[in-house]
Protein backbone atom coordinates (compact mmCIF):
# COMPACT_ATOMS: atom_id res chain seq x y z
CA MET A 1 50.03 -5.60 -6.24
CA LEU A 2 49.52 -2.43 -4.29
CA LEU A 3 52.66 -0.58 -5.21
CA GLY A 4 51.55 2.97 -4.50
CA LEU A 5 51.56 3.85 -8.20
CA THR A 6 49.16 6.32 -9.72
CA GLN A 7 47.32 5.33 -12.88
CA GLU A 8 49.54 7.75 -14.75
CA GLN A 9 52.73 6.14 -13.43
CA ALA A 10 51.50 2.61 -14.12
CA ALA A 11 50.36 3.56 -17.64
CA GLU A 12 53.68 5.23 -18.39
CA ARG A 13 55.70 2.24 -17.16
CA ALA A 14 53.52 -0.12 -19.23
CA LYS A 15 53.96 2.20 -22.25
CA LEU A 16 50.21 2.81 -22.52
CA SER A 17 48.20 5.99 -22.74
CA LEU A 18 46.61 7.05 -19.48
CA ARG A 19 43.15 7.04 -21.10
CA PHE A 20 43.54 3.47 -22.36
CA TYR A 21 45.01 2.24 -19.07
CA ALA A 22 42.13 3.78 -17.13
CA ARG A 23 39.58 2.19 -19.48
CA VAL A 24 41.22 -1.23 -19.05
CA GLU A 25 41.26 -0.82 -15.28
CA LEU A 26 37.55 0.05 -15.31
CA GLY A 27 36.75 -2.92 -17.55
CA GLU A 28 35.65 -0.64 -20.38
CA ALA A 29 38.32 -1.79 -22.84
CA GLY A 30 39.81 -5.13 -23.74
CA MET A 31 43.53 -5.71 -24.07
CA SER A 32 45.97 -7.94 -25.90
CA VAL A 33 48.05 -10.56 -24.16
CA ASP A 34 51.11 -8.34 -24.65
CA THR A 35 49.33 -5.46 -22.91
CA LEU A 36 48.25 -7.75 -20.07
CA LEU A 37 51.83 -8.94 -19.60
CA ALA A 38 53.14 -5.35 -19.66
CA ILE A 39 50.68 -4.36 -16.94
CA CYS A 40 51.55 -7.49 -14.94
CA ASP A 41 55.22 -6.60 -15.16
CA VAL A 42 54.56 -3.07 -13.89
CA LEU A 43 52.32 -4.22 -11.05
CA ASN A 44 54.43 -7.25 -10.12
CA ALA A 45 51.40 -9.47 -10.59
CA THR A 46 50.46 -12.56 -12.53
CA PRO A 47 47.72 -12.51 -15.19
CA ASP A 48 45.38 -14.56 -12.99
CA GLU A 49 45.86 -12.12 -10.13
CA LEU A 50 44.84 -9.21 -12.35
CA LEU A 51 42.05 -10.95 -14.20
CA LEU A 52 40.62 -12.71 -11.16
CA GLN A 53 41.75 -10.04 -8.69
CA LYS A 54 43.22 -12.51 -6.25
CA ARG A 55 46.62 -13.63 -5.09
CA SER A 56 47.24 -17.32 -4.72
CA ASP A 57 49.55 -18.80 -2.14
CA GLU A 58 51.27 -20.77 -4.88
CA ALA A 59 51.87 -17.66 -6.97
CA GLU A 60 53.31 -15.86 -3.96
CA ALA A 61 55.56 -18.81 -3.11
CA ASN A 62 56.77 -18.94 -6.73
CA ARG A 63 57.44 -15.21 -6.74
CA GLU A 64 59.43 -15.48 -3.52
CA TRP A 65 61.43 -18.43 -4.88
CA ILE A 66 62.29 -16.55 -8.08
CA ALA A 67 63.31 -13.44 -6.14
CA SER A 68 65.44 -15.52 -3.78
CA ALA A 69 67.11 -17.42 -6.63
CA ILE A 70 67.96 -14.20 -8.45
CA ALA A 71 69.22 -12.57 -5.25
CA LYS A 72 71.67 -15.47 -4.77
CA CYS A 73 73.24 -14.77 -8.17
CA PRO A 74 76.30 -12.55 -8.43
CA LEU A 75 75.23 -8.97 -9.13
CA GLU A 76 76.45 -9.02 -12.73
CA LYS A 77 74.39 -12.17 -13.39
CA GLN A 78 71.18 -10.81 -11.82
CA ALA A 79 70.44 -8.50 -14.75
CA ILE A 80 70.90 -11.41 -17.15
CA ALA A 81 68.58 -13.62 -15.10
CA ILE A 82 65.90 -10.92 -14.99
CA ASP A 83 66.19 -10.26 -18.74
CA LEU A 84 65.87 -14.00 -19.45
CA LEU A 85 62.82 -14.28 -17.22
CA LYS A 86 61.15 -11.27 -18.88
CA SER A 87 61.85 -12.72 -22.33
CA PHE A 88 60.46 -16.06 -21.28
CA MET A 89 57.30 -14.50 -19.86
CA ARG A 90 56.72 -12.55 -23.07
CA ALA A 91 57.11 -15.76 -25.09
CA ILE A 92 54.51 -17.78 -23.20
C-alpha cells in the first residue's frame, strides 16, 4: 500500500479533489463504495486493508496469484484481463 504517492497524486488518480481525499484519509468524511474502490485501485489495496488498515496473508497471496496469472498471458491479452478484472471489481 505504500506506493510513494502524495495525497495530491493519489487524489488525482482516484479522480477526487485533494480536499475530499484528505478528509477521507483523516476519517473526517465518509465515502461511497465507488469512491472506496477507486482509492483501492490507486493504492493497490483491498477494501478491508484500507478500512481495517491491515494486510492479510490471504489477500497478498491472491494478489500475487492474479498478477502471476496476468503476467503469463500474451501481452495483447493482458490489457483485456486487467480491464475485465477492473470491471468485475466495480460490479461487486
